[in-house]
Structure formats: structure tokens, C-alpha cells
Amino acid sequence: MRSDLLKKLAMAMLLGMTAFGIAACDSDDGPAEEAGESVDDAADETGDAMDDAADETGDAMDDAQDSAENAADETGDAMDNAADETGEAMDDAGDEMEEAGDDMEDEAEDARN
């Protein structure tokens, strides 16, 4: 969005400077012609610089989005692993409790006999 605005601004400046340059043109290469050409060159350079800045901004935004997506993926993976490990620990604890209960039943049976 900002990139489009910068491009439109650069294009408007370029067109304005070009129109000024054309209006100032005549057949000789006097000081006005040279000044017009300088203005045209400056407008071209400004437009190019704005395009480059817009491209760099877009690239930086794309990189930031990629980084955020990668971080979200890594966080999701870590949460999945933690959930799996928690489930396994709960299963192990349940198995140990069941074994303890069996042992208690065996001891109670032995005590009755």
C-alpha cells in the first residue's frame, strides 16, 4: 500500500518535471534548456530512488512476514511436542499407579491368608 503511494508520488513528480521540461524546450541549447535537462535528470533520479526505497521496504516487509510465520510454526511445533510429552508422562504415571494398586491388592490378599 505504501509502496503504491510512493510509486504514484514518484510518477506524479516525474510527469510534472517532464511537462515543465517540455514547456521550457526550444531549438537551442541555452541556459533554460540546460536547466530543464537538469530538472529532468533530477526528477528521474528521484523517481528511481523512490522506486528503490519502495522495493526495499516491500522486501523488508516480506522478510518480516516470513520470520513471523517461521516463529509461529516453531512455536506450534514446540507446543505439539510438549503436549505429546505431557500425554506420555500421564500414561506412565497411570501405569505406575495401576501397578501400585495391584501390589496393594496382592499385599492385602497375603495379609488375609
Protein backbone atom coordinates (compact mmCIF):
# COMPACT_ATOMS: atom_id res chain seq x y z
CA MET A 1 0.00 0.00 0.00
CA ARG A 2 2.74 2.42 0.97
CA SER A 3 4.80 1.19 -1.95
CA ASP A 4 1.97 2.05 -4.35
CA LEU A 5 1.69 5.52 -2.84
CA LEU A 6 5.42 6.13 -3.22
CA LYS A 7 5.34 4.94 -6.82
CA LYS A 8 2.37 7.19 -7.62
CA LEU A 9 4.10 10.15 -5.98
CA ALA A 10 7.29 9.49 -7.92
CA MET A 11 5.34 9.18 -11.18
CA ALA A 12 3.48 12.45 -10.50
CA MET A 13 6.76 14.24 -9.79
CA LEU A 14 8.32 12.78 -12.90
CA LEU A 15 5.38 13.80 -15.09
CA GLY A 16 5.34 17.29 -13.60
CA MET A 17 9.04 17.79 -14.17
CA THR A 18 8.79 16.37 -17.69
CA ALA A 19 5.94 18.75 -18.52
CA PHE A 20 7.98 21.65 -17.18
CA GLY A 21 10.96 20.50 -19.21
CA ILE A 22 8.92 20.21 -22.42
CA ALA A 23 7.36 23.65 -21.92
CA ALA A 24 10.80 25.17 -21.47
CA CYS A 25 12.28 23.48 -24.56
CA ASP A 26 13.15 25.30 -27.75
CA SER A 27 15.59 24.58 -30.57
CA ASP A 28 18.73 26.00 -28.94
CA ASP A 29 20.70 24.61 -26.01
CA GLY A 30 20.67 27.76 -23.93
CA PRO A 31 20.68 28.03 -20.17
CA ALA A 32 16.94 27.32 -19.94
CA GLU A 33 17.36 24.09 -21.92
CA GLU A 34 20.26 23.02 -19.73
CA ALA A 35 18.27 23.84 -16.60
CA GLY A 36 15.31 21.85 -17.94
CA GLU A 37 17.53 18.87 -18.63
CA SER A 38 18.97 19.13 -15.12
CA VAL A 39 15.46 19.20 -13.68
CA ASP A 40 14.52 16.18 -15.82
CA ASP A 41 17.61 14.29 -14.66
CA ALA A 42 16.90 15.15 -11.03
CA ALA A 43 13.28 14.02 -11.39
CA ASP A 44 14.43 10.74 -12.96
CA GLU A 45 16.92 10.15 -10.17
CA THR A 46 14.31 11.00 -7.53
CA GLY A 47 11.82 8.62 -9.11
CA ASP A 48 14.43 5.86 -9.28
CA ALA A 49 15.42 6.42 -5.65
CA MET A 50 11.78 6.30 -4.56
CA ASP A 51 11.20 3.10 -6.53
CA ASP A 52 14.28 1.54 -4.95
CA ALA A 53 13.14 2.59 -1.47
CA ALA A 54 9.67 1.17 -2.11
CA ASP A 55 11.17 -2.12 -3.33
CA GLU A 56 13.44 -2.35 -0.29
CA THR A 57 10.51 -1.62 2.02
CA GLY A 58 8.45 -4.32 0.34
CA ASP A 59 11.31 -6.79 0.62
CA ALA A 60 11.77 -5.98 4.31
CA MET A 61 8.05 -6.47 4.92
CA ASP A 62 8.15 -9.82 3.12
CA ASP A 63 11.16 -10.88 5.21
CA ALA A 64 9.39 -9.84 8.42
CA GLN A 65 6.30 -11.80 7.43
CA ASP A 66 8.41 -14.88 6.66
CA SER A 67 10.17 -14.57 10.03
CA ALA A 68 6.86 -14.26 11.86
CA GLU A 69 5.45 -17.29 10.04
CA ASN A 70 8.57 -19.32 10.87
CA ALA A 71 8.38 -18.31 14.53
CA ALA A 72 4.70 -19.27 14.65
CA ASP A 73 5.47 -22.65 13.06
CA GLU A 74 8.28 -23.30 15.54
CA THR A 75 6.05 -22.32 18.46
CA GLY A 76 3.31 -24.63 17.21
CA ASP A 77 5.78 -27.49 16.88
CA ALA A 78 7.10 -26.89 20.39
CA MET A 79 3.56 -26.87 21.77
CA ASP A 80 2.76 -30.13 19.95
CA ASN A 81 5.91 -31.74 21.38
CA ALA A 82 5.09 -30.52 24.89
CA ALA A 83 1.56 -31.90 24.61
CA ASP A 84 2.90 -35.27 23.41
CA GLU A 85 5.43 -35.43 26.24
CA THR A 86 2.78 -34.48 28.81
CA GLY A 87 0.47 -37.20 27.49
CA GLU A 88 3.24 -39.77 27.68
CA ALA A 89 4.13 -38.72 31.24
CA MET A 90 0.48 -39.03 32.26
CA ASP A 91 0.28 -42.50 30.70
CA ASP A 92 3.44 -43.53 32.58
CA ALA A 93 2.05 -42.17 35.87
CA GLY A 94 -1.21 -44.03 35.28
CA ASP A 95 0.67 -47.26 34.64
CA GLU A 96 2.68 -46.80 37.86
CA MET A 97 -0.49 -46.10 39.85
CA GLU A 98 -2.10 -49.23 38.43
CA GLU A 99 0.95 -51.29 39.37
CA ALA A 100 0.89 -49.81 42.90
CA GLY A 101 -2.79 -50.68 43.20
CA ASP A 102 -2.09 -54.25 42.07
CA ASP A 103 0.73 -54.51 44.61
CA MET A 104 -1.58 -53.26 47.36
CA GLU A 105 -4.22 -55.84 46.41
CA ASP A 106 -1.59 -58.60 46.47
CA GLU A 107 -0.36 -57.48 49.91
CA ALA A 108 -3.93 -57.31 51.24
CA GLU A 109 -4.62 -60.80 49.90
CA ASP A 110 -1.43 -62.11 51.51
CA ALA A 111 -2.36 -60.46 54.80
CA ARG A 112 -5.80 -62.18 54.80
CA ASN A 113 -4.26 -65.58 54.33
